[in-house]
Amino acid sequence: MGMGNFFKNKEILITGGLGFIGSNLAIRLVSYGARVTLVDSMIAAYGGNLFNIESIKEKVTVDFSDIRDTKKIEKLVKDKEFIFNLAGTLSHVDSMVDPMTDLEINCRAQLSLLESVRKFNPKARIIFAGTRNQYGKAKYLPVDENHPQEPTDINGINNIASEKYHLMYHAVYGIKTVSLRMTNTYGPRHQMKHERQGVLNWFIRKILDGEQIELYGKGVQIRDVNYVDDVVEAILMVAMAEKGWGEAYNLGGTPISLIDFVRKTYEVISSVQNKVQPCKEIVLKPYPVDRKKIEVGDYIASIEKIKKTYGWEPKTNLEEGIKKTILFYKKYRKYYW
């Protein structure tokens, strides 16, 4: 059965649904005729943006609750067939400044959601957004799912705990859960007000604004980057499947150094505008002390496991992904800047 037929009329809940990945996922599901409910607390600076769902706002139900609100979540999970659990804080820096909030949202609220599902809707399938941040500094590359998890910050530790809660609810209660460990994702509908949740989109903003790019160290740290549509595809492929539950899988895509990503963006903007966007000198700065301590160095994911289990691999090349991102923000800049 094709994806479109599979999701038609399915009851779906997306936590963090007004955020970057949640909104892109919602748009795809609405196009398949799914019945989608989005829950988002719209906490300032976390990335939720009502404009993200502008094209589908008449076709989805939006609930402005916080996933920490147990009574609310109990109601919301009751009749859902699929729960795409994307709510959480992502910022490594914020988690060090305010560790208790990170713990509340990324552990307590997640465990509470799982309890609500266990009590009121144990047949639901749950896809959880894990993160490559769980691994910390790579001891070998590419990083597979058995790589030690030694995060360099609070956010990574809390994500491990949350992932483990999800997988344990499969092992003990038979609830269908999967964790997808996401890597650096870029694309339309990402918040553009600060760099704390995704440096790739921040670079795109600065280049569009003609501002200077500053990189720490020599700028050669490698990130494994995914275009958002490929991430959405992975989430849906996993949700449809009858196998592979109770496991964690890496997502991954194009490994590229930050400096090369910046250069590539200049190239693509020049081709979009049909005139050369002058590549401002990239300024290399030493790491600030707080960043140096939590910097993870090069990261390249092995995607063998998800490829073998579900047949997923990313399809969008860097040029195409950056181009789509630039065109989106050129058109809708005022809703994001």
Protein backbone atom coordinates (compact mmCIF):
# COMPACT_ATOMS: atom_id res chain seq x y z
CA MET A 1 0.00 0.00 0.00
CA GLY A 2 1.34 3.44 -0.92
CA MET A 3 2.04 6.00 1.78
CA GLY A 4 -0.85 8.23 0.68
CA ASN A 5 -3.42 5.44 0.96
CA PHE A 6 -1.95 4.20 4.20
CA PHE A 7 -2.31 7.51 6.07
CA LYS A 8 -5.68 8.53 4.62
CA ASN A 9 -8.15 9.20 7.49
CA LYS A 10 -5.66 8.05 10.13
CA GLU A 11 -5.88 9.87 13.48
CA ILE A 12 -2.53 11.53 14.17
CA LEU A 13 -1.00 13.57 16.97
CA ILE A 14 2.21 15.55 16.44
CA THR A 15 3.81 17.01 19.57
CA GLY A 16 5.91 20.05 18.74
CA GLY A 17 3.65 20.26 15.71
CA LEU A 18 4.23 23.95 14.98
CA GLY A 19 7.98 23.49 14.98
CA PHE A 20 10.35 22.83 12.10
CA ILE A 21 10.04 19.08 11.55
CA GLY A 22 6.53 18.82 13.03
CA SER A 23 5.01 21.32 10.60
CA ASN A 24 6.70 19.80 7.54
CA LEU A 25 5.42 16.40 8.67
CA ALA A 26 1.90 17.80 9.19
CA ILE A 27 1.82 19.29 5.68
CA ARG A 28 2.77 15.93 4.16
CA LEU A 29 0.17 14.05 6.24
CA VAL A 30 -2.60 16.51 5.37
CA SER A 31 -1.79 15.99 1.69
CA TYR A 32 -2.46 12.27 2.30
CA GLY A 33 -5.85 13.00 3.87
CA ALA A 34 -4.84 12.19 7.45
CA ARG A 35 -6.67 13.77 10.42
CA VAL A 36 -3.95 15.70 12.16
CA THR A 37 -3.86 17.28 15.63
CA LEU A 38 -0.88 19.46 16.50
CA VAL A 39 0.08 20.20 20.07
CA ASP A 40 2.62 22.95 20.70
CA SER A 41 3.29 25.10 23.74
CA MET A 42 4.64 27.93 21.54
CA ILE A 43 7.25 28.73 24.17
CA ALA A 44 9.18 31.74 22.86
CA ALA A 45 12.48 30.87 21.10
CA TYR A 46 11.70 27.13 20.80
CA GLY A 47 10.83 27.28 17.12
CA GLY A 48 7.03 27.02 17.04
CA ASN A 49 5.60 29.38 14.42
CA LEU A 50 1.96 29.59 13.33
CA PHE A 51 3.01 30.60 9.83
CA ASN A 52 4.61 27.13 9.48
CA ILE A 53 1.13 25.66 8.95
CA GLU A 54 -0.35 28.59 7.00
CA SER A 55 -1.06 26.36 3.98
CA ILE A 56 -3.01 23.78 6.04
CA LYS A 57 -4.44 25.78 8.95
CA GLU A 58 -8.05 25.02 7.99
CA LYS A 59 -7.29 21.30 7.81
CA VAL A 60 -5.63 20.61 11.16
CA THR A 61 -6.58 20.92 14.82
CA VAL A 62 -4.14 22.97 16.88
CA ASP A 63 -3.88 22.68 20.65
CA PHE A 64 -1.65 25.16 22.47
CA SER A 65 -0.82 22.90 25.39
CA ASP A 66 2.47 22.14 27.02
CA ILE A 67 3.44 18.47 26.98
CA ARG A 68 4.09 18.87 30.70
CA ASP A 69 0.30 19.24 31.20
CA THR A 70 -0.63 15.63 31.98
CA LYS A 71 -4.41 16.06 32.01
CA LYS A 72 -4.33 17.73 28.60
CA ILE A 73 -2.04 15.07 27.10
CA GLU A 74 -4.23 12.25 28.47
CA LYS A 75 -7.13 13.68 26.47
CA LEU A 76 -5.05 14.24 23.35
CA VAL A 77 -3.55 10.75 23.11
CA LYS A 78 -6.82 8.88 23.60
CA ASP A 79 -7.98 8.10 20.07
CA LYS A 80 -4.77 8.61 18.11
CA GLU A 81 -3.34 5.83 15.95
CA PHE A 82 0.04 7.53 15.51
CA ILE A 83 1.92 9.86 17.83
CA PHE A 84 4.90 11.66 16.33
CA ASN A 85 6.65 12.84 19.46
CA LEU A 86 8.82 15.75 18.37
CA ALA A 87 8.32 18.12 21.31
CA GLY A 88 11.43 18.85 23.27
CA THR A 89 14.19 21.38 23.69
CA LEU A 90 17.10 21.11 21.32
CA SER A 91 19.58 23.68 22.45
CA HIS A 92 22.84 22.34 23.87
CA VAL A 93 23.72 25.79 25.19
CA ASP A 94 20.31 26.43 26.80
CA SER A 95 20.43 23.07 28.51
CA MET A 96 23.62 24.06 30.30
CA VAL A 97 22.21 27.44 31.35
CA ASP A 98 18.83 26.05 32.47
CA PRO A 99 19.22 22.31 33.11
CA MET A 100 16.01 21.90 35.13
CA THR A 101 13.76 23.06 32.29
CA ASP A 102 15.54 20.70 29.95
CA LEU A 103 14.94 17.87 32.43
CA GLU A 104 11.25 18.78 32.81
CA ILE A 105 10.53 18.86 29.08
CA ASN A 106 12.85 16.15 27.83
CA CYS A 107 12.40 13.60 30.62
CA ARG A 108 9.46 14.15 32.96
CA ALA A 109 7.01 15.23 30.26
CA GLN A 110 8.09 12.39 27.97
CA LEU A 111 7.63 9.77 30.65
CA SER A 112 4.26 11.27 31.50
CA LEU A 113 3.17 11.05 27.83
CA LEU A 114 4.18 7.39 27.72
CA GLU A 115 2.19 6.71 30.88
CA SER A 116 -0.87 8.38 29.32
CA VAL A 117 -0.51 6.16 26.25
CA ARG A 118 -0.09 3.05 28.39
CA LYS A 119 -3.24 3.81 30.39
CA PHE A 120 -5.50 5.19 27.68
CA ASN A 121 -4.25 4.09 24.27
CA PRO A 122 -1.67 1.28 24.28
CA LYS A 123 -2.31 0.49 20.61
CA ALA A 124 -0.87 3.82 19.42
CA ARG A 125 2.41 3.80 17.51
CA ILE A 126 4.95 6.34 18.72
CA ILE A 127 7.89 7.72 16.76
CA PHE A 128 10.28 9.66 19.01
CA ALA A 129 12.81 12.21 17.81
CA GLY A 130 16.18 11.26 19.27
CA THR A 131 19.38 13.09 18.40
CA ARG A 132 22.95 12.48 17.33
CA ASN A 133 23.79 14.64 20.33
CA GLN A 134 23.30 11.48 22.43
CA TYR A 135 26.67 10.14 21.25
CA GLY A 136 28.88 13.04 22.26
CA LYS A 137 32.34 13.03 20.70
CA ALA A 138 32.75 10.30 18.09
CA LYS A 139 35.22 7.58 19.04
CA TYR A 140 35.04 6.20 15.50
CA LEU A 141 33.35 7.14 12.22
CA PRO A 142 30.83 6.48 10.87
CA VAL A 143 28.93 6.31 14.17
CA ASP A 144 26.59 3.31 14.35
CA GLU A 145 23.82 2.74 16.90
CA ASN A 146 26.13 0.71 19.17
CA HIS A 147 28.58 3.58 19.56
CA PRO A 148 28.99 4.56 23.23
CA GLN A 149 26.69 7.38 24.32
CA GLU A 150 28.71 9.95 26.25
CA PRO A 151 26.99 13.30 25.67
CA THR A 152 28.89 16.54 26.21
CA ASP A 153 25.86 18.39 27.57
CA ILE A 154 22.69 18.06 29.66
CA ASN A 155 20.42 17.99 26.60
CA GLY A 156 22.15 14.86 25.28
CA ILE A 157 21.82 13.05 28.61
CA ASN A 158 18.11 13.87 28.88
CA ASN A 159 17.53 12.72 25.30
CA ILE A 160 19.13 9.37 26.09
CA ALA A 161 16.83 8.98 29.09
CA SER A 162 13.78 9.88 27.04
CA GLU A 163 14.71 7.49 24.25
CA LYS A 164 15.24 4.73 26.80
CA TYR A 165 11.80 5.38 28.32
CA HIS A 166 10.24 4.97 24.88
CA LEU A 167 12.07 1.76 24.08
CA MET A 168 11.41 0.30 27.53
CA TYR A 169 7.66 0.85 27.06
CA HIS A 170 7.97 -1.41 24.03
CA ALA A 171 10.02 -4.05 25.85
CA VAL A 172 7.80 -4.15 28.94
CA TYR A 173 4.34 -3.11 27.73
CA GLY A 174 4.51 -3.95 24.03
CA ILE A 175 3.74 -0.38 22.97
CA LYS A 176 5.08 0.18 19.46
CA THR A 177 7.85 2.76 19.83
CA VAL A 178 10.87 3.70 17.74
CA SER A 179 13.52 6.37 18.23
CA LEU A 180 15.08 8.09 15.23
CA ARG A 181 18.39 9.71 16.15
CA MET A 182 18.32 12.82 14.00
CA THR A 183 21.35 14.65 12.76
CA ASN A 184 21.75 18.28 11.59
CA THR A 185 18.53 18.97 9.72
CA TYR A 186 18.00 22.04 7.57
CA GLY A 187 15.24 23.35 5.31
CA PRO A 188 12.09 25.50 5.24
CA ARG A 189 10.13 26.35 8.43
CA HIS A 190 13.12 26.28 10.78
CA GLN A 191 13.19 29.21 13.23
CA MET A 192 15.65 31.89 12.06
CA LYS A 193 15.85 34.16 15.10
CA HIS A 194 18.90 32.59 16.75
CA GLU A 195 21.50 29.93 16.14
CA ARG A 196 20.92 27.77 19.20
CA GLN A 197 18.85 25.07 17.47
CA GLY A 198 20.46 24.66 14.08
CA VAL A 199 23.57 26.35 12.83
CA LEU A 200 23.01 25.43 9.15
CA ASN A 201 19.84 27.49 8.84
CA TRP A 202 21.51 30.30 10.75
CA PHE A 203 24.31 30.39 8.16
CA ILE A 204 21.70 30.57 5.40
CA ARG A 205 20.07 33.56 7.12
CA LYS A 206 23.37 35.40 7.54
CA ILE A 207 24.35 34.82 3.92
CA LEU A 208 20.93 36.00 2.69
CA ASP A 209 21.42 39.13 4.82
CA GLY A 210 24.91 39.70 3.42
CA GLU A 211 26.45 39.34 6.87
CA GLN A 212 29.80 37.92 7.75
CA ILE A 213 30.01 34.28 8.77
CA GLU A 214 32.03 33.41 11.84
CA LEU A 215 33.22 29.86 12.39
CA TYR A 216 34.95 28.41 15.42
CA GLY A 217 38.32 26.72 15.08
CA LYS A 218 39.22 26.20 11.42
CA GLY A 219 35.61 25.61 10.36
CA VAL A 220 36.47 22.10 9.23
CA GLN A 221 34.31 20.26 11.78
CA ILE A 222 32.17 17.81 9.81
CA ARG A 223 28.40 17.56 10.27
CA ASP A 224 26.13 14.98 8.72
CA VAL A 225 23.31 16.98 7.20
CA ASN A 226 19.74 16.03 6.25
CA TYR A 227 17.17 18.00 4.29
CA VAL A 228 13.88 18.09 6.19
CA ASP A 229 11.82 16.25 3.51
CA ASP A 230 14.10 13.22 3.85
CA VAL A 231 13.59 13.23 7.62
CA VAL A 232 9.80 13.37 7.16
CA GLU A 233 10.05 10.45 4.74
CA ALA A 234 11.98 8.40 7.32
CA ILE A 235 9.43 9.15 10.05
CA LEU A 236 6.54 8.03 7.83
CA MET A 237 8.27 4.91 6.50
CA VAL A 238 8.96 3.75 10.05
CA ALA A 239 5.40 4.52 11.21
CA MET A 240 3.93 2.41 8.39
CA ALA A 241 6.09 -0.63 8.97
CA GLU A 242 5.14 -3.81 10.78
CA LYS A 243 8.67 -4.50 12.02
CA GLY A 244 11.62 -2.92 13.76
CA TRP A 245 9.76 -1.61 16.83
CA GLY A 246 11.49 -1.05 20.15
CA GLU A 247 14.72 0.03 18.46
CA ALA A 248 16.74 3.19 17.79
CA TYR A 249 17.94 4.11 14.30
CA ASN A 250 20.33 6.77 13.05
CA LEU A 251 19.33 9.19 10.37
CA GLY A 252 22.15 10.66 8.32
CA GLY A 253 22.87 12.23 4.99
CA THR A 254 25.63 14.31 3.46
CA PRO A 255 28.77 14.68 5.58
CA ILE A 256 30.22 18.15 4.99
CA SER A 257 32.45 20.56 6.89
CA LEU A 258 30.80 23.75 8.11
CA ILE A 259 33.08 25.89 5.94
CA ASP A 260 32.14 23.87 2.84
CA PHE A 261 28.45 24.14 3.70
CA VAL A 262 28.85 27.93 3.85
CA ARG A 263 30.72 28.01 0.53
CA LYS A 264 28.09 25.79 -1.07
CA THR A 265 25.35 28.15 0.15
CA TYR A 266 27.11 31.14 -1.46
CA GLU A 267 27.32 29.18 -4.70
CA VAL A 268 23.62 28.25 -4.65
CA ILE A 269 22.46 31.79 -3.78
CA SER A 270 24.49 33.11 -6.72
CA SER A 271 22.82 30.64 -9.07
CA VAL A 272 19.34 31.47 -7.70
CA GLN A 273 19.88 35.21 -8.11
CA ASN A 274 21.71 34.86 -11.45
CA LYS A 275 24.39 37.10 -10.03
CA VAL A 276 27.36 36.30 -7.87
CA GLN A 277 26.67 36.70 -4.17
CA PRO A 278 30.12 37.90 -3.11
CA CYS A 279 31.52 35.39 -0.64
CA LYS A 280 32.40 37.56 2.31
CA GLU A 281 35.54 36.53 4.05
CA ILE A 282 34.73 33.76 6.51
CA VAL A 283 36.08 34.76 9.90
CA LEU A 284 37.67 31.97 11.94
CA LYS A 285 37.56 32.49 15.68
CA PRO A 286 38.87 30.47 18.58
CA TYR A 287 36.17 28.57 20.47
CA PRO A 288 34.67 30.44 23.44
CA VAL A 289 35.36 28.48 26.61
CA ASP A 290 31.72 27.39 27.15
CA ARG A 291 31.41 26.16 23.55
CA LYS A 292 34.76 24.39 23.50
CA LYS A 293 33.68 22.16 26.38
CA ILE A 294 30.56 20.94 24.59
CA GLU A 295 31.83 20.84 20.99
CA VAL A 296 31.53 17.30 19.61
CA GLY A 297 33.98 17.44 16.70
CA ASP A 298 33.32 15.53 13.47
CA TYR A 299 30.15 13.49 13.16
CA ILE A 300 29.18 11.10 10.39
CA ALA A 301 26.31 8.66 10.91
CA SER A 302 26.08 5.11 9.71
CA ILE A 303 22.60 4.60 8.25
CA GLU A 304 23.07 0.88 7.53
CA LYS A 305 20.56 -0.19 10.17
CA ILE A 306 17.61 1.95 8.99
CA LYS A 307 18.45 1.16 5.38
CA LYS A 308 18.40 -2.56 6.07
CA THR A 309 15.24 -2.52 8.20
CA TYR A 310 13.10 0.01 6.34
CA GLY A 311 14.89 0.73 3.06
CA TRP A 312 15.27 4.43 3.91
CA GLU A 313 18.04 6.59 2.56
CA PRO A 314 18.14 10.34 1.94
CA LYS A 315 17.34 11.47 -1.60
CA THR A 316 17.87 15.23 -1.59
CA ASN A 317 21.33 16.40 -2.59
CA LEU A 318 22.84 19.41 -0.88
CA GLU A 319 22.45 21.79 -3.80
CA GLU A 320 18.76 21.00 -4.23
CA GLY A 321 18.08 21.21 -0.48
CA ILE A 322 19.86 24.54 -0.03
CA LYS A 323 18.09 25.94 -3.11
CA LYS A 324 14.62 25.00 -1.82
CA THR A 325 15.49 26.49 1.58
CA ILE A 326 16.73 29.77 0.10
CA LEU A 327 13.68 30.17 -2.15
CA PHE A 328 11.35 29.56 0.80
CA TYR A 329 13.00 32.17 3.03
CA LYS A 330 13.36 34.74 0.27
CA LYS A 331 9.60 34.51 -0.19
CA TYR A 332 8.53 34.36 3.47
CA ARG A 333 11.37 36.16 5.22
CA LYS A 334 9.05 38.48 7.20
CA TYR A 335 7.50 35.53 9.07
CA TYR A 336 10.86 34.23 10.26
CA TRP A 337 13.36 37.06 10.64
